[in-house]
PDB file of all heavy atoms in Angstrom:
ATOM      1  N   CYS A   1       0.820  -1.200   0.000  1.00  0.00           N
ATOM      2  CA  CYS A   1       0.000   0.000   0.000  1.00  0.00           C
ATOM      3  C   CYS A   1       0.857   1.254   0.000  1.00  0.00           C
ATOM      4  O   CYS A   1       2.027   1.231   0.375  1.00  0.00           O
ATOM      5  CB  CYS A   1      -0.934   0.005   1.209  1.00  0.00           C
ATOM      6  SG  CYS A   1      -0.053   0.137   2.791  1.00  0.00           S
ATOM      7  N   SER A   2       0.248   2.349  -0.410  1.00  0.00           N
ATOM      8  CA  SER A   2       0.896   3.649  -0.288  1.00  0.00           C
ATOM      9  C   SER A   2       0.651   4.199   1.119  1.00  0.00           C
ATOM     10  O   SER A   2       0.063   3.525   1.968  1.00  0.00           O
ATOM     11  CB  SER A   2       0.376   4.601  -1.365  1.00  0.00           C
ATOM     12  OG  SER A   2      -1.028   4.701  -1.326  1.00  0.00           O
ATOM     13  N   ASN A   3       1.097   5.415   1.382  1.00  0.00           N
ATOM     14  CA  ASN A   3       1.012   5.993   2.730  1.00  0.00           C
ATOM     15  C   ASN A   3      -0.439   6.091   3.193  1.00  0.00           C
ATOM     16  O   ASN A   3      -1.259   6.743   2.544  1.00  0.00           O
ATOM     17  CB  ASN A   3       1.642   7.382   2.751  1.00  0.00           C
ATOM     18  CG  ASN A   3       3.147   7.345   2.801  1.00  0.00           C
ATOM     19  OD1 ASN A   3       3.774   6.510   2.131  1.00  0.00           O
ATOM     20  ND2 ASN A   3       3.755   8.220   3.575  1.00  0.00           N
ATOM     21  N   ASN A   4      -0.742   5.466   4.322  1.00  0.00           N
ATOM     22  CA  ASN A   4      -2.084   5.527   4.889  1.00  0.00           C
ATOM     23  C   ASN A   4      -2.239   6.745   5.794  1.00  0.00           C
ATOM     24  O   ASN A   4      -1.268   7.235   6.387  1.00  0.00           O
ATOM     25  CB  ASN A   4      -2.374   4.282   5.717  1.00  0.00           C
ATOM     26  CG  ASN A   4      -2.781   3.071   4.900  1.00  0.00           C
ATOM     27  OD1 ASN A   4      -3.629   2.292   5.312  1.00  0.00           O
ATOM     28  ND2 ASN A   4      -2.181   2.880   3.735  1.00  0.00           N
ATOM     29  N   TYR A   5      -3.487   7.198   5.904  1.00  0.00           N
ATOM     30  CA  TYR A   5      -3.819   8.240   6.870  1.00  0.00           C
ATOM     31  C   TYR A   5      -5.249   8.005   7.325  1.00  0.00           C
ATOM     32  O   TYR A   5      -6.007   7.271   6.687  1.00  0.00           O
ATOM     33  CB  TYR A   5      -3.663   9.637   6.263  1.00  0.00           C
ATOM     34  CG  TYR A   5      -4.681   9.961   5.193  1.00  0.00           C
ATOM     35  CD1 TYR A   5      -5.816  10.715   5.498  1.00  0.00           C
ATOM     36  CD2 TYR A   5      -4.539   9.493   3.884  1.00  0.00           C
ATOM     37  CE1 TYR A   5      -6.775  10.997   4.524  1.00  0.00           C
ATOM     38  CE2 TYR A   5      -5.486   9.775   2.907  1.00  0.00           C
ATOM     39  CZ  TYR A   5      -6.601  10.524   3.233  1.00  0.00           C
ATOM     40  OH  TYR A   5      -7.540  10.799   2.278  1.00  0.00           O
ATOM     41  N   GLY A   6      -5.611   8.607   8.458  1.00  0.00           N
ATOM     42  CA  GLY A   6      -6.956   8.445   8.982  1.00  0.00           C
ATOM     43  C   GLY A   6      -6.951   8.392  10.498  1.00  0.00           C
ATOM     44  O   GLY A   6      -5.946   8.723  11.142  1.00  0.00           O
ATOM     45  N   PRO A   7      -8.070   7.955  11.115  1.00  0.00           N
ATOM     46  CA  PRO A   7      -8.165   7.915  12.576  1.00  0.00           C
ATOM     47  C   PRO A   7      -7.195   6.921  13.202  1.00  0.00           C
ATOM     48  O   PRO A   7      -6.828   5.922  12.598  1.00  0.00           O
ATOM     49  CB  PRO A   7      -9.611   7.461  12.816  1.00  0.00           C
ATOM     50  CG  PRO A   7     -10.322   7.699  11.539  1.00  0.00           C
ATOM     51  CD  PRO A   7      -9.313   7.548  10.454  1.00  0.00           C
ATOM     52  N   TYR A   8      -6.793   7.217  14.424  1.00  0.00           N
ATOM     53  CA  TYR A   8      -5.999   6.328  15.270  1.00  0.00           C
ATOM     54  C   TYR A   8      -4.554   6.146  14.793  1.00  0.00           C
ATOM     55  O   TYR A   8      -3.891   5.195  15.207  1.00  0.00           O
ATOM     56  CB  TYR A   8      -6.655   4.943  15.401  1.00  0.00           C
ATOM     57  CG  TYR A   8      -8.038   4.959  15.993  1.00  0.00           C
ATOM     58  CD1 TYR A   8      -9.162   4.705  15.204  1.00  0.00           C
ATOM     59  CD2 TYR A   8      -8.245   5.222  17.347  1.00  0.00           C
ATOM     60  CE1 TYR A   8     -10.440   4.718  15.734  1.00  0.00           C
ATOM     61  CE2 TYR A   8      -9.519   5.237  17.894  1.00  0.00           C
ATOM     62  CZ  TYR A   8     -10.614   4.983  17.085  1.00  0.00           C
ATOM     63  OH  TYR A   8     -11.877   4.995  17.620  1.00  0.00           O
ATOM     64  N   GLN A   9      -4.035   7.045  13.978  1.00  0.00           N
ATOM     65  CA  GLN A   9      -2.640   6.915  13.557  1.00  0.00           C
ATOM     66  C   GLN A   9      -1.716   7.515  14.603  1.00  0.00           C
ATOM     67  O   GLN A   9      -1.918   8.638  15.058  1.00  0.00           O
ATOM     68  CB  GLN A   9      -2.407   7.579  12.200  1.00  0.00           C
ATOM     69  CG  GLN A   9      -1.018   7.287  11.630  1.00  0.00           C
ATOM     70  CD  GLN A   9      -0.863   7.726  10.190  1.00  0.00           C
ATOM     71  OE1 GLN A   9      -1.553   8.631   9.726  1.00  0.00           O
ATOM     72  NE2 GLN A   9       0.037   7.089   9.456  1.00  0.00           N
ATOM     73  N   PHE A  10      -0.684   6.764  14.978  1.00  0.00           N
ATOM     74  CA  PHE A  10       0.245   7.197  16.018  1.00  0.00           C
ATOM     75  C   PHE A  10       0.885   8.528  15.613  1.00  0.00           C
ATOM     76  O   PHE A  10       1.375   8.664  14.491  1.00  0.00           O
ATOM     77  CB  PHE A  10       1.326   6.131  16.227  1.00  0.00           C
ATOM     78  CG  PHE A  10       2.040   6.224  17.537  1.00  0.00           C
ATOM     79  CD1 PHE A  10       1.491   5.678  18.681  1.00  0.00           C
ATOM     80  CD2 PHE A  10       3.259   6.869  17.633  1.00  0.00           C
ATOM     81  CE1 PHE A  10       2.150   5.753  19.899  1.00  0.00           C
ATOM     82  CE2 PHE A  10       3.933   6.957  18.839  1.00  0.00           C
ATOM     83  CZ  PHE A  10       3.373   6.399  19.980  1.00  0.00           C
ATOM     84  N   PRO A  11       0.893   9.518  16.507  1.00  0.00           N
ATOM     85  CA  PRO A  11       1.299  10.868  16.118  1.00  0.00           C
ATOM     86  C   PRO A  11       2.804  11.101  15.994  1.00  0.00           C
ATOM     87  O   PRO A  11       3.292  12.185  16.329  1.00  0.00           O
ATOM     88  CB  PRO A  11       0.687  11.746  17.217  1.00  0.00           C
ATOM     89  CG  PRO A  11       0.575  10.865  18.388  1.00  0.00           C
ATOM     90  CD  PRO A  11       0.296   9.480  17.855  1.00  0.00           C
ATOM     91  N   GLU A  12       3.519  10.120  15.462  1.00  0.00           N
ATOM     92  CA  GLU A  12       4.894  10.360  15.036  1.00  0.00           C
ATOM     93  C   GLU A  12       4.951  10.399  13.506  1.00  0.00           C
ATOM     94  O   GLU A  12       5.927  10.859  12.930  1.00  0.00           O
ATOM     95  CB  GLU A  12       5.833   9.259  15.546  1.00  0.00           C
ATOM     96  CG  GLU A  12       5.608   7.895  14.902  1.00  0.00           C
ATOM     97  CD  GLU A  12       6.527   6.810  15.425  1.00  0.00           C
ATOM     98  OE1 GLU A  12       7.398   7.131  16.263  1.00  0.00           O
ATOM     99  OE2 GLU A  12       6.371   5.647  15.023  1.00  0.00           O
ATOM    100  N   LYS A  13       3.875   9.924  12.853  1.00  0.00           N
ATOM    101  CA  LYS A  13       3.797   9.931  11.393  1.00  0.00           C
ATOM    102  C   LYS A  13       3.377  11.316  10.909  1.00  0.00           C
ATOM    103  O   LYS A  13       2.785  12.110  11.650  1.00  0.00           O
ATOM    104  CB  LYS A  13       2.831   8.856  10.907  1.00  0.00           C
ATOM    105  CG  LYS A  13       3.250   7.424  11.279  1.00  0.00           C
ATOM    106  CD  LYS A  13       4.585   7.048  10.655  1.00  0.00           C
ATOM    107  CE  LYS A  13       5.020   5.635  10.994  1.00  0.00           C
ATOM    108  NZ  LYS A  13       4.328   4.620  10.215  1.00  0.00           N
ATOM    109  N   LEU A  14       3.643  11.592   9.632  1.00  0.00           N
ATOM    110  CA  LEU A  14       3.562  12.960   9.130  1.00  0.00           C
ATOM    111  C   LEU A  14       2.223  13.652   9.408  1.00  0.00           C
ATOM    112  O   LEU A  14       2.190  14.708  10.051  1.00  0.00           O
ATOM    113  CB  LEU A  14       3.833  12.981   7.617  1.00  0.00           C
ATOM    114  CG  LEU A  14       3.742  14.381   6.979  1.00  0.00           C
ATOM    115  CD1 LEU A  14       4.928  15.242   7.375  1.00  0.00           C
ATOM    116  CD2 LEU A  14       3.652  14.276   5.468  1.00  0.00           C
ATOM    117  N   ILE A  15       1.128  13.085   8.933  1.00  0.00           N
ATOM    118  CA  ILE A  15      -0.150  13.793   9.025  1.00  0.00           C
ATOM    119  C   ILE A  15      -0.595  13.991  10.469  1.00  0.00           C
ATOM    120  O   ILE A  15      -0.905  15.132  10.872  1.00  0.00           O
ATOM    121  CB  ILE A  15      -1.218  13.098   8.164  1.00  0.00           C
ATOM    122  CG1 ILE A  15      -0.935  13.406   6.675  1.00  0.00           C
ATOM    123  CG2 ILE A  15      -2.626  13.537   8.549  1.00  0.00           C
ATOM    124  CD1 ILE A  15      -1.891  12.750   5.699  1.00  0.00           C
ATOM    125  N   PRO A  16      -0.641  12.959  11.323  1.00  0.00           N
ATOM    126  CA  PRO A  16      -1.063  13.230  12.709  1.00  0.00           C
ATOM    127  C   PRO A  16      -0.076  14.099  13.481  1.00  0.00           C
ATOM    128  O   PRO A  16      -0.493  14.874  14.346  1.00  0.00           O
ATOM    129  CB  PRO A  16      -1.188  11.835  13.329  1.00  0.00           C
ATOM    130  CG  PRO A  16      -0.361  10.947  12.464  1.00  0.00           C
ATOM    131  CD  PRO A  16      -0.444  11.515  11.087  1.00  0.00           C
ATOM    132  N   LEU A  17       1.220  14.002  13.165  1.00  0.00           N
ATOM    133  CA  LEU A  17       2.192  14.864  13.838  1.00  0.00           C
ATOM    134  C   LEU A  17       1.920  16.322  13.514  1.00  0.00           C
ATOM    135  O   LEU A  17       1.926  17.190  14.399  1.00  0.00           O
ATOM    136  CB  LEU A  17       3.611  14.480  13.428  1.00  0.00           C
ATOM    137  CG  LEU A  17       4.736  15.380  13.988  1.00  0.00           C
ATOM    138  CD1 LEU A  17       4.795  15.288  15.508  1.00  0.00           C
ATOM    139  CD2 LEU A  17       6.077  15.013  13.366  1.00  0.00           C
ATOM    140  N   MET A  18       1.685  16.606  12.237  1.00  0.00           N
ATOM    141  CA  MET A  18       1.446  17.988  11.836  1.00  0.00           C
ATOM    142  C   MET A  18       0.131  18.511  12.393  1.00  0.00           C
ATOM    143  O   MET A  18       0.036  19.661  12.830  1.00  0.00           O
ATOM    144  CB  MET A  18       1.464  18.091  10.312  1.00  0.00           C
ATOM    145  CG  MET A  18       2.783  17.692   9.685  1.00  0.00           C
ATOM    146  SD  MET A  18       4.177  18.676  10.331  1.00  0.00           S
ATOM    147  CE  MET A  18       5.554  17.589   9.951  1.00  0.00           C
ATOM    148  N   ILE A  19      -0.911  17.666  12.379  1.00  0.00           N
ATOM    149  CA  ILE A  19      -2.199  18.101  12.932  1.00  0.00           C
ATOM    150  C   ILE A  19      -2.070  18.415  14.413  1.00  0.00           C
ATOM    151  O   ILE A  19      -2.490  19.489  14.883  1.00  0.00           O
ATOM    152  CB  ILE A  19      -3.276  17.022  12.719  1.00  0.00           C
ATOM    153  CG1 ILE A  19      -3.559  16.818  11.232  1.00  0.00           C
ATOM    154  CG2 ILE A  19      -4.569  17.403  13.450  1.00  0.00           C
ATOM    155  CD1 ILE A  19      -4.455  15.617  10.939  1.00  0.00           C
ATOM    156  N   THR A  20      -1.488  17.498  15.175  1.00  0.00           N
ATOM    157  CA  THR A  20      -1.435  17.681  16.629  1.00  0.00           C
ATOM    158  C   THR A  20      -0.480  18.809  17.024  1.00  0.00           C
ATOM    159  O   THR A  20      -0.774  19.571  17.951  1.00  0.00           O
ATOM    160  CB  THR A  20      -1.040  16.368  17.328  1.00  0.00           C
ATOM    161  OG1 THR A  20       0.218  15.903  16.816  1.00  0.00           O
ATOM    162  CG2 THR A  20      -2.103  15.296  17.089  1.00  0.00           C
ATOM    163  N   ASN A  21       0.647  18.945  16.332  1.00  0.00           N
ATOM    164  CA  ASN A  21       1.532  20.067  16.618  1.00  0.00           C
ATOM    165  C   ASN A  21       0.851  21.396  16.318  1.00  0.00           C
ATOM    166  O   ASN A  21       0.972  22.370  17.075  1.00  0.00           O
ATOM    167  CB  ASN A  21       2.829  19.955  15.816  1.00  0.00           C
ATOM    168  CG  ASN A  21       3.868  19.081  16.485  1.00  0.00           C
ATOM    169  OD1 ASN A  21       3.532  18.275  17.359  1.00  0.00           O
ATOM    170  ND2 ASN A  21       5.114  19.202  16.088  1.00  0.00           N
ATOM    171  N   ALA A  22       0.126  21.458  15.205  1.00  0.00           N
ATOM    172  CA  ALA A  22      -0.565  22.700  14.855  1.00  0.00           C
ATOM    173  C   ALA A  22      -1.622  23.041  15.894  1.00  0.00           C
ATOM    174  O   ALA A  22      -1.792  24.215  16.262  1.00  0.00           O
ATOM    175  CB  ALA A  22      -1.188  22.571  13.466  1.00  0.00           C
ATOM    176  N   LEU A  23      -2.348  22.022  16.374  1.00  0.00           N
ATOM    177  CA  LEU A  23      -3.372  22.276  17.393  1.00  0.00           C
ATOM    178  C   LEU A  23      -2.766  22.800  18.694  1.00  0.00           C
ATOM    179  O   LEU A  23      -3.435  23.497  19.460  1.00  0.00           O
ATOM    180  CB  LEU A  23      -4.163  20.994  17.662  1.00  0.00           C
ATOM    181  CG  LEU A  23      -5.135  20.577  16.550  1.00  0.00           C
ATOM    182  CD1 LEU A  23      -5.678  19.180  16.803  1.00  0.00           C
ATOM    183  CD2 LEU A  23      -6.285  21.580  16.437  1.00  0.00           C
ATOM    184  N   GLU A  24      -1.501  22.458  18.920  1.00  0.00           N
ATOM    185  CA  GLU A  24      -0.801  22.938  20.120  1.00  0.00           C
ATOM    186  C   GLU A  24       0.059  24.171  19.823  1.00  0.00           C
ATOM    187  O   GLU A  24       0.801  24.631  20.695  1.00  0.00           O
ATOM    188  CB  GLU A  24       0.078  21.826  20.684  1.00  0.00           C
ATOM    189  CG  GLU A  24      -0.709  20.630  21.197  1.00  0.00           C
ATOM    190  CD  GLU A  24       0.191  19.527  21.737  1.00  0.00           C
ATOM    191  OE1 GLU A  24       1.177  19.165  21.054  1.00  0.00           O
ATOM    192  OE2 GLU A  24      -0.091  19.028  22.844  1.00  0.00           O
ATOM    193  N   ASP A  25      -0.046  24.689  18.591  1.00  0.00           N
ATOM    194  CA  ASP A  25       0.765  25.845  18.165  1.00  0.00           C
ATOM    195  C   ASP A  25       2.260  25.598  18.339  1.00  0.00           C
ATOM    196  O   ASP A  25       3.022  26.506  18.688  1.00  0.00           O
ATOM    197  CB  ASP A  25       0.341  27.113  18.916  1.00  0.00           C
ATOM    198  CG  ASP A  25      -1.081  27.522  18.567  1.00  0.00           C
ATOM    199  OD1 ASP A  25      -1.375  27.637  17.368  1.00  0.00           O
ATOM    200  OD2 ASP A  25      -1.892  27.716  19.500  1.00  0.00           O
ATOM    201  N   ARG A  26       2.666  24.364  18.048  1.00  0.00           N
ATOM    202  CA  ARG A  26       4.075  23.999  18.099  1.00  0.00           C
ATOM    203  C   ARG A  26       4.642  23.956  16.689  1.00  0.00           C
ATOM    204  O   ARG A  26       3.888  23.812  15.715  1.00  0.00           O
ATOM    205  CB  ARG A  26       4.235  22.635  18.779  1.00  0.00           C
ATOM    206  CG  ARG A  26       3.794  22.618  20.242  1.00  0.00           C
ATOM    207  CD  ARG A  26       3.820  21.213  20.796  1.00  0.00           C
ATOM    208  NE  ARG A  26       5.134  20.596  20.694  1.00  0.00           N
ATOM    209  CZ  ARG A  26       5.381  19.331  20.933  1.00  0.00           C
ATOM    210  NH1 ARG A  26       4.387  18.511  21.272  1.00  0.00           N
ATOM    211  NH2 ARG A  26       6.598  18.850  20.831  1.00  0.00           N
ATOM    212  N   PRO A  27       5.975  24.050  16.525  1.00  0.00           N
ATOM    213  CA  PRO A  27       6.568  24.010  15.179  1.00  0.00           C
ATOM    214  C   PRO A  27       6.245  22.701  14.462  1.00  0.00           C
ATOM    215  O   PRO A  27       6.151  21.633  15.079  1.00  0.00           O
ATOM    216  CB  PRO A  27       8.069  24.137  15.453  1.00  0.00           C
ATOM    217  CG  PRO A  27       8.170  24.809  16.778  1.00  0.00           C
ATOM    218  CD  PRO A  27       6.991  24.315  17.569  1.00  0.00           C
ATOM    219  N   LEU A  28       6.104  22.801  13.136  1.00  0.00           N
ATOM    220  CA  LEU A  28       5.843  21.639  12.290  1.00  0.00           C
ATOM    221  C   LEU A  28       7.122  21.322  11.520  1.00  0.00           C
ATOM    222  O   LEU A  28       7.466  22.016  10.559  1.00  0.00           O
ATOM    223  CB  LEU A  28       4.697  21.934  11.306  1.00  0.00           C
ATOM    224  CG  LEU A  28       3.259  21.756  11.821  1.00  0.00           C
ATOM    225  CD1 LEU A  28       2.973  22.643  13.015  1.00  0.00           C
ATOM    226  CD2 LEU A  28       2.263  22.044  10.702  1.00  0.00           C
ATOM    227  N   PRO A  29       7.872  20.268  11.941  1.00  0.00           N
ATOM    228  CA  PRO A  29       9.154  19.970  11.295  1.00  0.00           C
ATOM    229  C   PRO A  29       8.962  19.285   9.940  1.00  0.00           C
ATOM    230  O   PRO A  29       8.295  18.263   9.836  1.00  0.00           O
ATOM    231  CB  PRO A  29       9.831  19.028  12.296  1.00  0.00           C
ATOM    232  CG  PRO A  29       8.694  18.356  13.011  1.00  0.00           C
ATOM    233  CD  PRO A  29       7.585  19.370  13.069  1.00  0.00           C
ATOM    234  N   VAL A  30       9.555  19.850   8.903  1.00  0.00           N
ATOM    235  CA  VAL A  30       9.462  19.307   7.548  1.00  0.00           C
ATOM    236  C   VAL A  30      10.869  18.985   7.070  1.00  0.00           C
ATOM    237  O   VAL A  30      11.742  19.854   7.045  1.00  0.00           O
ATOM    238  CB  VAL A  30       8.789  20.317   6.597  1.00  0.00           C
ATOM    239  CG1 VAL A  30       8.802  19.783   5.167  1.00  0.00           C
ATOM    240  CG2 VAL A  30       7.369  20.612   7.054  1.00  0.00           C
ATOM    241  N   TYR A  31      11.081  17.733   6.671  1.00  0.00           N
ATOM    242  CA  TYR A  31      12.404  17.307   6.215  1.00  0.00           C
ATOM    243  C   TYR A  31      12.811  18.003   4.915  1.00  0.00           C
ATOM    244  O   TYR A  31      12.008  18.137   3.979  1.00  0.00           O
ATOM    245  CB  TYR A  31      12.441  15.803   5.980  1.00  0.00           C
ATOM    246  CG  TYR A  31      12.587  14.959   7.221  1.00  0.00           C
ATOM    247  CD1 TYR A  31      11.715  13.898   7.457  1.00  0.00           C
ATOM    248  CD2 TYR A  31      13.604  15.197   8.134  1.00  0.00           C
ATOM    249  CE1 TYR A  31      11.852  13.093   8.581  1.00  0.00           C
ATOM    250  CE2 TYR A  31      13.746  14.406   9.261  1.00  0.00           C
ATOM    251  CZ  TYR A  31      12.873  13.361   9.479  1.00  0.00           C
ATOM    252  OH  TYR A  31      13.012  12.578  10.593  1.00  0.00           O
ATOM    253  N   GLY A  32      14.078  18.406   4.845  1.00  0.00           N
ATOM    254  CA  GLY A  32      14.664  18.918   3.611  1.00  0.00           C
ATOM    255  C   GLY A  32      13.895  20.101   3.052  1.00  0.00           C
ATOM    256  O   GLY A  32      13.557  21.043   3.771  1.00  0.00           O
ATOM    257  N   ASP A  33      13.585  20.028   1.739  1.00  0.00           N
ATOM    258  CA  ASP A  33      12.833  21.111   1.102  1.00  0.00           C
ATOM    259  C   ASP A  33      11.330  20.851   1.106  1.00  0.00           C
ATOM    260  O   ASP A  33      10.552  21.671   0.603  1.00  0.00           O
ATOM    261  CB  ASP A  33      13.330  21.348  -0.332  1.00  0.00           C
ATOM    262  CG  ASP A  33      13.201  20.106  -1.217  1.00  0.00           C
ATOM    263  OD1 ASP A  33      12.580  19.115  -0.784  1.00  0.00           O
ATOM    264  OD2 ASP A  33      13.740  20.127  -2.343  1.00  0.00           O
ATOM    265  N   GLY A  34      10.924  19.696   1.662  1.00  0.00           N
ATOM    266  CA  GLY A  34       9.500  19.386   1.749  1.00  0.00           C
ATOM    267  C   GLY A  34       8.871  18.923   0.457  1.00  0.00           C
ATOM    268  O   GLY A  34       7.649  18.742   0.384  1.00  0.00           O
ATOM    269  N   LEU A  35       9.678  18.701  -0.586  1.00  0.00           N
ATOM    270  CA  LEU A  35       9.132  18.357  -1.895  1.00  0.00           C
ATOM    271  C   LEU A  35       9.129  16.858  -2.185  1.00  0.00           C
ATOM    272  O   LEU A  35       8.870  16.443  -3.314  1.00  0.00           O
ATOM    273  CB  LEU A  35       9.893  19.110  -2.995  1.00  0.00           C
ATOM    274  CG  LEU A  35       9.828  20.637  -2.888  1.00  0.00           C
ATOM    275  CD1 LEU A  35      10.551  21.283  -4.052  1.00  0.00           C
ATOM    276  CD2 LEU A  35       8.375  21.118  -2.809  1.00  0.00           C
ATOM    277  N   ASN A  36       9.419  16.045  -1.179  1.00  0.00           N
ATOM    278  CA  ASN A  36       9.266  14.597  -1.323  1.00  0.00           C
ATOM    279  C   ASN A  36       7.788  14.281  -1.551  1.00  0.00           C
ATOM    280  O   ASN A  36       6.917  14.827  -0.867  1.00  0.00           O
ATOM    281  CB  ASN A  36       9.772  13.877  -0.077  1.00  0.00           C
ATOM    282  CG  ASN A  36      11.220  14.175   0.199  1.00  0.00           C
ATOM    283  OD1 ASN A  36      11.548  15.270   0.663  1.00  0.00           O
ATOM    284  ND2 ASN A  36      12.096  13.236  -0.072  1.00  0.00           N
ATOM    285  N   VAL A  37       7.506  13.401  -2.507  1.00  0.00           N
ATOM    286  CA  VAL A  37       6.131  13.107  -2.920  1.00  0.00           C
ATOM    287  C   VAL A  37       5.699  11.743  -2.391  1.00  0.00           C
ATOM    288  O   VAL A  37       6.441  10.760  -2.492  1.00  0.00           O
ATOM    289  CB  VAL A  37       6.010  13.122  -4.456  1.00  0.00           C
ATOM    290  CG1 VAL A  37       4.612  12.697  -4.901  1.00  0.00           C
ATOM    291  CG2 VAL A  37       6.343  14.515  -4.996  1.00  0.00           C
ATOM    292  N   ARG A  38       4.494  11.718  -1.828  1.00  0.00           N
ATOM    293  CA  ARG A  38       3.898  10.465  -1.368  1.00  0.00           C
ATOM    294  C   ARG A  38       2.491  10.336  -1.949  1.00  0.00           C
ATOM    295  O   ARG A  38       1.815  11.333  -2.198  1.00  0.00           O
ATOM    296  CB  ARG A  38       3.838  10.408   0.175  1.00  0.00           C
ATOM    297  CG  ARG A  38       5.213  10.449   0.845  1.00  0.00           C
ATOM    298  CD  ARG A  38       6.018   9.219   0.538  1.00  0.00           C
ATOM    299  NE  ARG A  38       7.325   9.207   1.161  1.00  0.00           N
ATOM    300  CZ  ARG A  38       8.451   9.579   0.565  1.00  0.00           C
ATOM    301  NH1 ARG A  38       8.420  10.047  -0.686  1.00  0.00           N
ATOM    302  NH2 ARG A  38       9.610   9.502   1.192  1.00  0.00           N
ATOM    303  N   ASP A  39       2.070   9.085  -2.137  1.00  0.00           N
ATOM    304  CA  ASP A  39       0.721   8.775  -2.617  1.00  0.00           C
ATOM    305  C   ASP A  39      -0.104   8.410  -1.387  1.00  0.00           C
ATOM    306  O   ASP A  39       0.188   7.420  -0.710  1.00  0.00           O
ATOM    307  CB  ASP A  39       0.797   7.612  -3.604  1.00  0.00           C
ATOM    308  CG  ASP A  39      -0.564   7.152  -4.095  1.00  0.00           C
ATOM    309  OD1 ASP A  39      -1.538   7.903  -3.917  1.00  0.00           O
ATOM    310  OD2 ASP A  39      -0.652   6.048  -4.650  1.00  0.00           O
ATOM    311  N   TRP A  40      -1.144   9.191  -1.081  1.00  0.00           N
ATOM    312  CA  TRP A  40      -1.887   9.040   0.165  1.00  0.00           C
ATOM    313  C   TRP A  40      -3.149   8.198  -0.038  1.00  0.00           C
ATOM    314  O   TRP A  40      -3.902   8.404  -0.981  1.00  0.00           O
ATOM    315  CB  TRP A  40      -2.234  10.409   0.741  1.00  0.00           C
ATOM    316  CG  TRP A  40      -1.006  11.136   1.172  1.00  0.00           C
ATOM    317  CD1 TRP A  40      -0.303  12.083   0.478  1.00  0.00           C
ATOM    318  CD2 TRP A  40      -0.285  10.926   2.397  1.00  0.00           C
ATOM    319  NE1 TRP A  40       0.800  12.481   1.202  1.00  0.00           N
ATOM    320  CE2 TRP A  40       0.838  11.801   2.381  1.00  0.00           C
ATOM    321  CE3 TRP A  40      -0.482  10.108   3.502  1.00  0.00           C
ATOM    322  CZ2 TRP A  40       1.754  11.860   3.431  1.00  0.00           C
ATOM    323  CZ3 TRP A  40       0.428  10.174   4.550  1.00  0.00           C
ATOM    324  CH2 TRP A  40       1.531  11.037   4.513  1.00  0.00           C
ATOM    325  N   LEU A  41      -3.358   7.274   0.886  1.00  0.00           N
ATOM    326  CA  LEU A  41      -4.460   6.317   0.839  1.00  0.00           C
ATOM    327  C   LEU A  41      -5.205   6.349   2.165  1.00  0.00           C
ATOM    328  O   LEU A  41      -4.600   6.132   3.226  1.00  0.00           O
ATOM    329  CB  LEU A  41      -3.909   4.902   0.592  1.00  0.00           C
ATOM    330  CG  LEU A  41      -4.870   3.719   0.694  1.00  0.00           C
ATOM    331  CD1 LEU A  41      -5.858   3.738  -0.468  1.00  0.00           C
ATOM    332  CD2 LEU A  41      -4.089   2.397   0.709  1.00  0.00           C
TER     333      LEU A  41
END
């Protein structure tokens, strides 16, 4: 499968990490230039 997202994902993965950090007004760390491409499922 390609990169999964949705409910109950452990918040070390990209999407839940960014959501939860943003909700706490904390920095959102993005690797490199951020232009790595993923196919989301």
